[in-house]
N, C-alpha and C. Protein backbone atom coordinates (compact mmCIF):
# COMPACT_ATOMS: atom_id res chain seq x y z
N UNK A 1 -10.35 6.45 6.44
CA UNK A 1 -10.49 7.85 6.74
C UNK A 1 -11.61 7.99 7.77
N UNK A 2 -11.31 8.65 8.86
CA UNK A 2 -12.28 8.80 9.93
C UNK A 2 -13.11 10.07 9.79
N UNK A 3 -12.62 11.03 9.02
CA UNK A 3 -13.32 12.30 8.88
C UNK A 3 -14.62 12.11 8.12
N UNK A 4 -15.59 12.89 8.48
CA UNK A 4 -16.85 12.92 7.75
C UNK A 4 -16.76 13.98 6.66
N UNK A 5 -17.72 13.99 5.77
CA UNK A 5 -17.77 14.97 4.69
C UNK A 5 -17.78 16.38 5.28
N UNK A 6 -18.48 16.57 6.39
CA UNK A 6 -18.56 17.89 7.03
C UNK A 6 -17.17 18.39 7.42
N UNK A 7 -16.30 17.49 7.90
CA UNK A 7 -14.94 17.86 8.27
C UNK A 7 -14.14 18.28 7.04
N UNK A 8 -14.33 17.57 5.93
CA UNK A 8 -13.65 17.91 4.68
C UNK A 8 -14.12 19.27 4.19
N UNK A 9 -15.42 19.53 4.30
CA UNK A 9 -15.97 20.82 3.87
C UNK A 9 -15.40 21.96 4.70
N UNK A 10 -15.28 21.75 6.00
CA UNK A 10 -14.71 22.77 6.88
C UNK A 10 -13.25 23.04 6.52
N UNK A 11 -12.50 21.98 6.24
CA UNK A 11 -11.11 22.13 5.83
C UNK A 11 -11.02 22.86 4.48
N UNK A 12 -11.91 22.54 3.56
CA UNK A 12 -11.93 23.20 2.25
C UNK A 12 -12.23 24.69 2.41
N UNK A 13 -13.15 25.03 3.28
CA UNK A 13 -13.46 26.45 3.51
C UNK A 13 -12.25 27.18 4.08
N UNK A 14 -11.52 26.54 4.98
CA UNK A 14 -10.31 27.14 5.54
C UNK A 14 -9.24 27.32 4.48
N UNK A 15 -9.08 26.33 3.61
CA UNK A 15 -8.10 26.42 2.52
C UNK A 15 -8.42 27.58 1.59
N UNK A 16 -9.70 27.86 1.40
CA UNK A 16 -10.15 28.98 0.56
C UNK A 16 -10.02 30.32 1.26
N UNK A 17 -9.68 30.30 2.55
CA UNK A 17 -9.60 31.54 3.30
C UNK A 17 -10.94 32.01 3.82
N UNK A 18 -11.89 31.12 3.90
CA UNK A 18 -13.23 31.45 4.37
C UNK A 18 -13.44 30.89 5.77
N UNK A 19 -12.83 31.52 6.74
CA UNK A 19 -12.93 31.07 8.12
C UNK A 19 -14.35 31.22 8.66
N UNK A 20 -15.09 32.23 8.14
CA UNK A 20 -16.48 32.38 8.56
C UNK A 20 -17.33 31.18 8.14
N UNK A 21 -17.08 30.69 6.94
CA UNK A 21 -17.81 29.52 6.45
C UNK A 21 -17.37 28.26 7.19
N UNK A 22 -16.07 28.15 7.49
CA UNK A 22 -15.58 27.01 8.26
C UNK A 22 -16.20 26.98 9.65
N UNK A 23 -16.32 28.15 10.28
CA UNK A 23 -16.94 28.23 11.60
C UNK A 23 -18.43 27.88 11.52
N UNK A 24 -19.08 28.31 10.45
CA UNK A 24 -20.50 27.98 10.26
C UNK A 24 -20.67 26.47 10.12
N UNK A 25 -19.79 25.83 9.34
CA UNK A 25 -19.88 24.37 9.16
C UNK A 25 -19.60 23.63 10.46
N UNK A 26 -18.72 24.17 11.27
CA UNK A 26 -18.37 23.53 12.54
C UNK A 26 -19.47 23.68 13.58
N UNK A 27 -20.09 24.88 13.63
CA UNK A 27 -21.06 25.11 14.69
C UNK A 27 -22.43 25.54 14.25
N UNK A 28 -22.61 25.83 12.97
CA UNK A 28 -23.91 26.24 12.47
C UNK A 28 -24.29 27.67 12.82
N UNK A 29 -23.31 28.45 13.24
CA UNK A 29 -23.60 29.83 13.61
C UNK A 29 -22.78 30.78 12.75
N UNK A 30 -23.33 31.96 12.53
CA UNK A 30 -22.62 32.98 11.77
C UNK A 30 -23.46 34.23 11.72
N UNK A 31 -22.86 35.31 11.23
CA UNK A 31 -23.58 36.58 11.18
C UNK A 31 -24.74 36.55 10.20
N UNK A 32 -24.52 35.98 9.04
CA UNK A 32 -25.57 35.87 8.03
C UNK A 32 -25.79 34.39 7.73
N UNK A 33 -26.56 33.73 8.58
CA UNK A 33 -26.74 32.28 8.49
C UNK A 33 -27.37 31.85 7.17
N UNK A 34 -28.25 32.66 6.61
CA UNK A 34 -28.89 32.30 5.34
C UNK A 34 -27.89 32.23 4.20
N UNK A 35 -27.03 33.25 4.09
CA UNK A 35 -26.02 33.27 3.03
C UNK A 35 -24.98 32.18 3.26
N UNK A 36 -24.58 31.98 4.51
CA UNK A 36 -23.60 30.93 4.81
C UNK A 36 -24.17 29.55 4.54
N UNK A 37 -25.45 29.36 4.79
CA UNK A 37 -26.10 28.08 4.49
C UNK A 37 -26.11 27.80 2.99
N UNK A 38 -26.35 28.83 2.19
CA UNK A 38 -26.32 28.66 0.73
C UNK A 38 -24.91 28.34 0.26
N UNK A 39 -23.90 29.01 0.84
CA UNK A 39 -22.52 28.72 0.47
C UNK A 39 -22.10 27.32 0.92
N UNK A 40 -22.60 26.87 2.07
CA UNK A 40 -22.31 25.50 2.54
C UNK A 40 -22.92 24.48 1.58
N UNK A 41 -24.11 24.76 1.06
CA UNK A 41 -24.74 23.86 0.08
C UNK A 41 -23.93 23.82 -1.21
N UNK A 42 -23.40 24.98 -1.64
CA UNK A 42 -22.55 25.03 -2.83
C UNK A 42 -21.26 24.27 -2.58
N UNK A 43 -20.70 24.40 -1.40
CA UNK A 43 -19.48 23.68 -1.04
C UNK A 43 -19.71 22.17 -1.06
N UNK A 44 -20.86 21.72 -0.59
CA UNK A 44 -21.20 20.29 -0.64
C UNK A 44 -21.32 19.81 -2.08
N UNK A 45 -21.92 20.62 -2.94
CA UNK A 45 -22.02 20.27 -4.36
C UNK A 45 -20.62 20.15 -4.98
N UNK A 46 -19.73 21.07 -4.60
CA UNK A 46 -18.34 21.02 -5.09
C UNK A 46 -17.64 19.76 -4.59
N UNK A 47 -17.92 19.38 -3.35
CA UNK A 47 -17.35 18.13 -2.81
C UNK A 47 -17.79 16.93 -3.65
N UNK A 48 -19.08 16.84 -3.93
CA UNK A 48 -19.59 15.71 -4.71
C UNK A 48 -18.99 15.68 -6.12
N UNK A 49 -18.80 16.84 -6.72
CA UNK A 49 -18.15 16.90 -8.03
C UNK A 49 -16.70 16.42 -7.95
N UNK A 50 -16.00 16.82 -6.91
CA UNK A 50 -14.61 16.43 -6.72
C UNK A 50 -14.48 14.93 -6.51
N UNK A 51 -15.32 14.37 -5.65
CA UNK A 51 -15.24 12.94 -5.38
C UNK A 51 -15.58 12.13 -6.64
N UNK A 52 -16.55 12.60 -7.41
CA UNK A 52 -16.89 11.92 -8.66
C UNK A 52 -15.72 11.99 -9.64
N UNK A 53 -15.08 13.14 -9.75
CA UNK A 53 -13.92 13.28 -10.65
C UNK A 53 -12.79 12.36 -10.23
N UNK A 54 -12.49 12.31 -8.95
CA UNK A 54 -11.43 11.43 -8.47
C UNK A 54 -11.72 9.97 -8.77
N UNK A 55 -12.96 9.54 -8.52
CA UNK A 55 -13.32 8.14 -8.70
C UNK A 55 -13.38 7.75 -10.17
N UNK A 56 -13.80 8.64 -11.03
CA UNK A 56 -13.95 8.27 -12.44
C UNK A 56 -12.67 8.47 -13.25
N UNK A 57 -11.77 9.37 -12.81
CA UNK A 57 -10.59 9.67 -13.63
C UNK A 57 -9.25 9.28 -13.01
N UNK A 58 -9.12 9.32 -11.69
CA UNK A 58 -7.79 9.18 -11.09
C UNK A 58 -7.64 8.02 -10.11
N UNK A 59 -8.52 7.93 -9.14
CA UNK A 59 -8.41 6.92 -8.08
C UNK A 59 -9.71 6.11 -8.05
N UNK A 60 -9.81 5.10 -8.92
CA UNK A 60 -11.09 4.39 -9.06
C UNK A 60 -11.54 3.70 -7.77
N UNK A 61 -12.86 3.66 -7.59
CA UNK A 61 -13.47 2.92 -6.48
C UNK A 61 -13.74 1.51 -6.99
N UNK A 62 -13.01 0.55 -6.47
CA UNK A 62 -13.12 -0.82 -6.96
C UNK A 62 -13.97 -1.64 -6.00
N UNK A 63 -14.89 -2.38 -6.56
CA UNK A 63 -15.73 -3.31 -5.80
C UNK A 63 -15.49 -4.72 -6.32
N UNK A 64 -15.68 -5.68 -5.45
CA UNK A 64 -15.53 -7.09 -5.80
C UNK A 64 -16.70 -7.84 -5.17
N UNK A 65 -17.49 -8.51 -6.02
CA UNK A 65 -18.68 -9.19 -5.52
C UNK A 65 -18.77 -10.62 -6.06
N UNK A 66 -19.05 -11.58 -5.17
CA UNK A 66 -19.28 -12.96 -5.63
C UNK A 66 -20.71 -13.12 -6.17
N UNK A 67 -20.84 -13.90 -7.23
CA UNK A 67 -22.15 -14.17 -7.83
C UNK A 67 -22.16 -15.59 -8.37
N UNK A 68 -23.37 -16.15 -8.46
CA UNK A 68 -23.55 -17.42 -9.16
C UNK A 68 -24.06 -17.10 -10.55
N UNK A 69 -23.24 -17.42 -11.53
CA UNK A 69 -23.55 -17.06 -12.91
C UNK A 69 -24.27 -18.21 -13.61
N UNK A 70 -25.28 -17.86 -14.39
CA UNK A 70 -25.94 -18.83 -15.26
C UNK A 70 -25.50 -18.58 -16.71
N UNK A 71 -24.36 -17.93 -16.88
CA UNK A 71 -23.85 -17.55 -18.19
C UNK A 71 -23.82 -16.04 -18.35
N UNK A 72 -24.52 -15.33 -17.45
CA UNK A 72 -24.54 -13.86 -17.50
C UNK A 72 -24.82 -13.33 -16.09
N UNK A 73 -24.04 -12.34 -15.69
CA UNK A 73 -24.28 -11.63 -14.43
C UNK A 73 -24.83 -10.27 -14.83
N UNK A 74 -26.10 -10.04 -14.50
CA UNK A 74 -26.75 -8.79 -14.88
C UNK A 74 -26.19 -7.62 -14.06
N UNK A 75 -26.09 -6.47 -14.70
CA UNK A 75 -25.63 -5.27 -13.99
C UNK A 75 -26.57 -4.94 -12.83
N UNK A 76 -27.84 -5.23 -12.99
CA UNK A 76 -28.82 -4.96 -11.93
C UNK A 76 -28.55 -5.81 -10.69
N UNK A 77 -27.86 -6.95 -10.84
CA UNK A 77 -27.53 -7.81 -9.70
C UNK A 77 -26.33 -7.30 -8.90
N UNK A 78 -25.58 -6.36 -9.47
CA UNK A 78 -24.43 -5.80 -8.76
C UNK A 78 -24.92 -4.76 -7.76
N UNK A 79 -24.20 -4.62 -6.68
CA UNK A 79 -24.59 -3.69 -5.62
C UNK A 79 -24.58 -2.24 -6.11
N UNK A 80 -23.59 -1.87 -6.92
CA UNK A 80 -23.45 -0.51 -7.43
C UNK A 80 -23.44 -0.54 -8.96
N UNK A 81 -23.75 0.60 -9.57
CA UNK A 81 -23.71 0.70 -11.03
C UNK A 81 -22.25 0.75 -11.48
N UNK A 82 -21.82 -0.17 -12.34
CA UNK A 82 -20.41 -0.20 -12.74
C UNK A 82 -20.07 0.85 -13.79
N UNK A 83 -18.88 1.44 -13.64
CA UNK A 83 -18.32 2.30 -14.68
C UNK A 83 -17.53 1.45 -15.66
N UNK A 84 -16.84 0.44 -15.10
CA UNK A 84 -15.97 -0.41 -15.91
C UNK A 84 -15.85 -1.77 -15.22
N UNK A 85 -15.96 -2.84 -16.00
CA UNK A 85 -15.71 -4.18 -15.47
C UNK A 85 -14.21 -4.43 -15.60
N UNK A 86 -13.53 -4.65 -14.48
CA UNK A 86 -12.09 -4.82 -14.48
C UNK A 86 -11.72 -6.25 -14.83
N UNK A 87 -12.31 -7.21 -14.13
CA UNK A 87 -12.06 -8.61 -14.42
C UNK A 87 -13.12 -9.48 -13.75
N UNK A 88 -13.16 -10.73 -14.16
CA UNK A 88 -14.03 -11.73 -13.55
C UNK A 88 -13.13 -12.90 -13.16
N UNK A 89 -13.28 -13.39 -11.94
CA UNK A 89 -12.45 -14.48 -11.44
C UNK A 89 -13.33 -15.69 -11.09
N UNK A 90 -12.71 -16.86 -11.20
CA UNK A 90 -13.38 -18.10 -10.85
C UNK A 90 -13.22 -18.41 -9.37
N UNK A 91 -13.62 -19.65 -8.99
CA UNK A 91 -13.57 -20.05 -7.58
C UNK A 91 -12.16 -20.01 -7.01
N UNK A 92 -11.16 -20.34 -7.81
CA UNK A 92 -9.78 -20.41 -7.33
C UNK A 92 -9.00 -19.11 -7.56
N UNK A 93 -9.69 -18.06 -7.96
CA UNK A 93 -9.03 -16.78 -8.17
C UNK A 93 -8.46 -16.59 -9.56
N UNK A 94 -8.64 -17.58 -10.43
CA UNK A 94 -8.11 -17.45 -11.79
C UNK A 94 -8.97 -16.49 -12.61
N UNK A 95 -8.33 -15.74 -13.49
CA UNK A 95 -9.06 -14.82 -14.36
C UNK A 95 -9.83 -15.60 -15.41
N UNK A 96 -11.05 -15.17 -15.64
CA UNK A 96 -11.91 -15.81 -16.63
C UNK A 96 -12.16 -14.85 -17.79
N UNK A 97 -12.40 -15.42 -18.95
CA UNK A 97 -12.79 -14.61 -20.09
C UNK A 97 -14.22 -14.13 -19.87
N UNK A 98 -14.47 -12.89 -20.26
CA UNK A 98 -15.81 -12.33 -20.13
C UNK A 98 -16.04 -11.33 -21.25
N UNK A 99 -17.31 -11.03 -21.47
CA UNK A 99 -17.70 -10.00 -22.42
C UNK A 99 -18.70 -9.10 -21.72
N UNK A 100 -18.39 -7.81 -21.71
CA UNK A 100 -19.31 -6.84 -21.12
C UNK A 100 -20.34 -6.47 -22.18
N UNK A 101 -21.57 -6.85 -21.95
CA UNK A 101 -22.65 -6.58 -22.91
C UNK A 101 -23.55 -5.48 -22.38
N UNK A 102 -24.60 -5.20 -23.10
CA UNK A 102 -25.51 -4.12 -22.75
C UNK A 102 -26.19 -4.32 -21.39
N UNK A 103 -26.61 -5.54 -21.09
CA UNK A 103 -27.37 -5.81 -19.87
C UNK A 103 -26.58 -6.48 -18.77
N UNK A 104 -25.38 -6.96 -19.07
CA UNK A 104 -24.61 -7.66 -18.06
C UNK A 104 -23.30 -8.18 -18.58
N UNK A 105 -22.65 -8.99 -17.75
CA UNK A 105 -21.35 -9.56 -18.07
C UNK A 105 -21.55 -11.01 -18.46
N UNK A 106 -21.21 -11.35 -19.69
CA UNK A 106 -21.32 -12.73 -20.16
C UNK A 106 -20.05 -13.46 -19.76
N UNK A 107 -20.24 -14.54 -18.99
CA UNK A 107 -19.13 -15.33 -18.45
C UNK A 107 -19.63 -16.76 -18.27
N UNK A 108 -18.72 -17.69 -18.09
CA UNK A 108 -19.14 -19.08 -17.93
C UNK A 108 -20.04 -19.26 -16.71
N UNK A 109 -20.83 -20.30 -16.71
CA UNK A 109 -21.73 -20.59 -15.59
C UNK A 109 -20.93 -21.06 -14.38
N UNK A 110 -21.45 -20.78 -13.20
CA UNK A 110 -20.81 -21.21 -11.97
C UNK A 110 -20.54 -20.03 -11.05
N UNK A 111 -19.79 -20.30 -9.99
CA UNK A 111 -19.45 -19.26 -9.01
C UNK A 111 -18.35 -18.38 -9.58
N UNK A 112 -18.59 -17.08 -9.61
CA UNK A 112 -17.61 -16.12 -10.12
C UNK A 112 -17.56 -14.91 -9.18
N UNK A 113 -16.48 -14.16 -9.30
CA UNK A 113 -16.34 -12.90 -8.58
C UNK A 113 -16.12 -11.81 -9.61
N UNK A 114 -17.00 -10.81 -9.61
CA UNK A 114 -16.91 -9.71 -10.56
C UNK A 114 -16.22 -8.54 -9.88
N UNK A 115 -15.13 -8.05 -10.48
CA UNK A 115 -14.43 -6.88 -9.98
C UNK A 115 -14.72 -5.73 -10.94
N UNK A 116 -15.17 -4.60 -10.36
CA UNK A 116 -15.54 -3.48 -11.21
C UNK A 116 -15.28 -2.16 -10.51
N UNK A 117 -15.15 -1.10 -11.31
CA UNK A 117 -15.03 0.26 -10.80
C UNK A 117 -16.41 0.90 -10.84
N UNK A 118 -16.72 1.71 -9.82
CA UNK A 118 -18.05 2.32 -9.74
C UNK A 118 -17.97 3.79 -9.37
N UNK A 119 -19.09 4.46 -9.49
CA UNK A 119 -19.22 5.87 -9.10
C UNK A 119 -19.45 5.95 -7.59
N UNK A 120 -19.00 7.04 -6.99
CA UNK A 120 -19.35 7.24 -5.58
C UNK A 120 -20.80 7.70 -5.45
N UNK A 121 -21.38 7.42 -4.31
CA UNK A 121 -22.73 7.90 -4.06
C UNK A 121 -22.70 9.40 -3.75
N UNK A 122 -23.81 10.07 -3.97
CA UNK A 122 -23.92 11.49 -3.61
C UNK A 122 -23.95 11.58 -2.09
N UNK A 123 -23.12 12.46 -1.56
CA UNK A 123 -22.95 12.54 -0.11
C UNK A 123 -23.70 13.72 0.50
N UNK A 124 -23.99 13.55 1.80
CA UNK A 124 -24.48 14.63 2.66
C UNK A 124 -23.39 14.91 3.67
N UNK A 125 -23.57 15.94 4.46
CA UNK A 125 -22.53 16.35 5.40
C UNK A 125 -22.16 15.27 6.43
N UNK A 126 -23.10 14.45 6.83
CA UNK A 126 -22.84 13.45 7.86
C UNK A 126 -22.26 12.15 7.34
N UNK A 127 -22.16 11.99 6.02
CA UNK A 127 -21.64 10.76 5.43
C UNK A 127 -20.12 10.71 5.51
N UNK A 128 -19.58 9.52 5.23
CA UNK A 128 -18.14 9.33 5.16
C UNK A 128 -17.70 9.32 3.70
N UNK A 129 -16.54 9.90 3.39
CA UNK A 129 -16.04 9.87 2.01
C UNK A 129 -15.73 8.44 1.55
N UNK A 130 -15.88 8.20 0.27
CA UNK A 130 -15.52 6.89 -0.29
C UNK A 130 -14.12 6.89 -0.87
N UNK A 131 -13.64 8.02 -1.37
CA UNK A 131 -12.30 8.12 -1.93
C UNK A 131 -11.31 8.33 -0.79
N UNK A 132 -10.99 7.26 -0.10
CA UNK A 132 -10.15 7.36 1.10
C UNK A 132 -8.67 7.35 0.77
N UNK A 133 -8.28 6.91 -0.42
CA UNK A 133 -6.86 6.78 -0.72
C UNK A 133 -6.12 8.11 -0.66
N UNK A 134 -6.71 9.15 -1.17
CA UNK A 134 -6.06 10.45 -1.16
C UNK A 134 -6.13 11.17 0.17
N UNK A 135 -7.08 10.82 1.00
CA UNK A 135 -7.24 11.45 2.30
C UNK A 135 -8.07 12.72 2.24
N UNK A 136 -8.30 13.27 3.42
CA UNK A 136 -9.14 14.46 3.54
C UNK A 136 -8.50 15.66 2.87
N UNK A 137 -7.18 15.76 2.90
CA UNK A 137 -6.49 16.90 2.30
C UNK A 137 -6.75 16.96 0.80
N UNK A 138 -6.64 15.84 0.12
CA UNK A 138 -6.87 15.79 -1.33
C UNK A 138 -8.30 16.21 -1.65
N UNK A 139 -9.26 15.66 -0.93
CA UNK A 139 -10.66 16.02 -1.16
C UNK A 139 -10.92 17.49 -0.86
N UNK A 140 -10.29 18.01 0.20
CA UNK A 140 -10.48 19.41 0.56
C UNK A 140 -9.88 20.34 -0.50
N UNK A 141 -8.71 19.99 -1.02
CA UNK A 141 -8.09 20.82 -2.06
C UNK A 141 -8.96 20.87 -3.32
N UNK A 142 -9.46 19.72 -3.74
CA UNK A 142 -10.33 19.67 -4.92
C UNK A 142 -11.62 20.44 -4.71
N UNK A 143 -12.20 20.27 -3.53
CA UNK A 143 -13.44 20.97 -3.20
C UNK A 143 -13.21 22.48 -3.16
N UNK A 144 -12.10 22.89 -2.55
CA UNK A 144 -11.78 24.32 -2.45
C UNK A 144 -11.53 24.93 -3.82
N UNK A 145 -10.84 24.21 -4.70
CA UNK A 145 -10.57 24.71 -6.05
C UNK A 145 -11.88 24.89 -6.82
N UNK A 146 -12.75 23.92 -6.71
CA UNK A 146 -14.05 24.00 -7.39
C UNK A 146 -14.90 25.12 -6.80
N UNK A 147 -14.88 25.27 -5.50
CA UNK A 147 -15.66 26.31 -4.83
C UNK A 147 -15.15 27.70 -5.23
N UNK A 148 -13.83 27.88 -5.25
CA UNK A 148 -13.27 29.17 -5.65
C UNK A 148 -13.63 29.51 -7.09
N UNK A 149 -13.61 28.50 -7.96
CA UNK A 149 -13.98 28.71 -9.36
C UNK A 149 -15.44 29.13 -9.48
N UNK A 150 -16.33 28.43 -8.77
CA UNK A 150 -17.76 28.75 -8.83
C UNK A 150 -18.09 30.08 -8.16
N UNK A 151 -17.21 30.52 -7.25
CA UNK A 151 -17.43 31.80 -6.58
C UNK A 151 -16.83 32.97 -7.35
N UNK A 152 -16.17 32.68 -8.48
CA UNK A 152 -15.59 33.73 -9.30
C UNK A 152 -14.21 34.19 -8.87
N UNK A 153 -13.58 33.48 -7.97
CA UNK A 153 -12.23 33.81 -7.51
C UNK A 153 -11.24 33.01 -8.35
N UNK A 154 -10.97 33.48 -9.57
CA UNK A 154 -10.22 32.72 -10.56
C UNK A 154 -8.76 32.52 -10.20
N UNK A 155 -8.10 33.52 -9.65
CA UNK A 155 -6.69 33.36 -9.28
C UNK A 155 -6.54 32.33 -8.17
N UNK A 156 -7.39 32.41 -7.17
CA UNK A 156 -7.37 31.43 -6.08
C UNK A 156 -7.68 30.04 -6.61
N UNK A 157 -8.64 29.95 -7.52
CA UNK A 157 -9.01 28.65 -8.11
C UNK A 157 -7.83 28.06 -8.87
N UNK A 158 -7.10 28.86 -9.60
CA UNK A 158 -5.95 28.38 -10.36
C UNK A 158 -4.86 27.85 -9.43
N UNK A 159 -4.57 28.60 -8.38
CA UNK A 159 -3.56 28.17 -7.41
C UNK A 159 -3.97 26.87 -6.72
N UNK A 160 -5.21 26.80 -6.28
CA UNK A 160 -5.69 25.60 -5.60
C UNK A 160 -5.75 24.41 -6.54
N UNK A 161 -6.08 24.64 -7.81
CA UNK A 161 -6.13 23.55 -8.78
C UNK A 161 -4.73 22.96 -8.99
N UNK A 162 -3.70 23.79 -9.03
CA UNK A 162 -2.33 23.26 -9.16
C UNK A 162 -1.96 22.40 -7.95
N UNK A 163 -2.33 22.87 -6.76
CA UNK A 163 -2.05 22.08 -5.55
C UNK A 163 -2.84 20.77 -5.56
N UNK A 164 -4.07 20.83 -6.03
CA UNK A 164 -4.94 19.65 -6.13
C UNK A 164 -4.35 18.63 -7.09
N UNK A 165 -3.91 19.07 -8.27
CA UNK A 165 -3.32 18.16 -9.27
C UNK A 165 -2.04 17.52 -8.74
N UNK A 166 -1.24 18.28 -8.01
CA UNK A 166 -0.02 17.73 -7.40
C UNK A 166 -0.38 16.68 -6.35
N UNK A 167 -1.43 16.92 -5.58
CA UNK A 167 -1.86 15.95 -4.56
C UNK A 167 -2.41 14.68 -5.22
N UNK A 168 -3.09 14.82 -6.36
CA UNK A 168 -3.56 13.64 -7.09
C UNK A 168 -2.38 12.81 -7.55
N UNK A 169 -1.36 13.47 -8.10
CA UNK A 169 -0.17 12.76 -8.57
C UNK A 169 0.52 12.03 -7.41
N UNK A 170 0.58 12.67 -6.25
CA UNK A 170 1.20 12.05 -5.09
C UNK A 170 0.38 10.86 -4.59
N UNK A 171 -0.94 10.97 -4.64
CA UNK A 171 -1.81 9.88 -4.17
C UNK A 171 -1.73 8.67 -5.11
N UNK A 172 -1.50 8.91 -6.39
CA UNK A 172 -1.43 7.82 -7.36
C UNK A 172 -0.06 7.19 -7.46
N UNK A 173 0.95 7.82 -6.86
CA UNK A 173 2.32 7.32 -6.92
C UNK A 173 2.47 6.11 -6.02
N UNK A 174 3.16 5.07 -6.50
CA UNK A 174 3.37 3.90 -5.64
C UNK A 174 4.26 4.22 -4.46
N UNK A 175 3.95 3.64 -3.33
CA UNK A 175 4.71 3.88 -2.11
C UNK A 175 5.78 2.80 -1.96
N UNK A 176 6.70 3.05 -1.08
CA UNK A 176 7.74 2.07 -0.81
C UNK A 176 9.07 2.55 -1.33
N UNK A 177 10.00 1.65 -1.40
CA UNK A 177 11.33 2.01 -1.86
C UNK A 177 12.26 2.23 -0.69
N UNK A 178 13.45 2.68 -1.02
CA UNK A 178 14.45 2.90 0.02
C UNK A 178 14.80 4.36 0.11
N UNK A 179 15.07 4.80 1.30
CA UNK A 179 15.50 6.16 1.54
C UNK A 179 17.00 6.13 1.73
N UNK A 180 17.71 6.95 0.96
CA UNK A 180 19.16 6.97 1.07
C UNK A 180 19.59 7.55 2.42
N UNK A 181 20.69 7.00 2.89
CA UNK A 181 21.22 7.49 4.15
C UNK A 181 21.80 8.89 3.93
N UNK A 182 21.63 9.73 4.89
CA UNK A 182 22.13 11.10 4.80
C UNK A 182 23.65 11.11 4.91
N UNK A 183 24.27 11.93 4.07
CA UNK A 183 25.74 12.01 4.09
C UNK A 183 26.16 13.44 4.40
N UNK A 184 27.21 13.56 5.15
CA UNK A 184 27.75 14.88 5.49
C UNK A 184 29.03 15.07 4.73
N UNK A 185 29.22 16.24 4.17
CA UNK A 185 30.42 16.52 3.40
C UNK A 185 31.43 17.24 4.25
């Protein structure tokens, strides 16, 4: 995904029908810059909530890191804080038995690769999204639904939430298959 968080926020504001906020995010100008700045901060908070929800419940962020194990790979040695340890692999890619303990992953000694799901980092407007599988549209729909809910626009929030849930289902659906040839009667 090439879009930055700022682009997703602008798209979310447009989806909510807030063209003034979208213009403010694009150029930093508006009639009431103070109020628009506060709404932009709320929109960013909604974005971070949406990305966290996607990563923890629907489209996990998976990391894979090689480590030299002395019988335990400490969680502190991993680049990110793990939500779930998916598997541990040996040098040849074979799955190894492991036990996720309080301080780390207990596994045989030697070179191993730990695969785990993690939380996304908190983003600023200039950062890039981590949940790239769903695309900017999915993130914008979730952000817009959350923003409408927090702004007290319940009917709009309900409508956007249905669209967001449908987009999540589409993003999680496996791709591929065959398309039937069109037939004329």
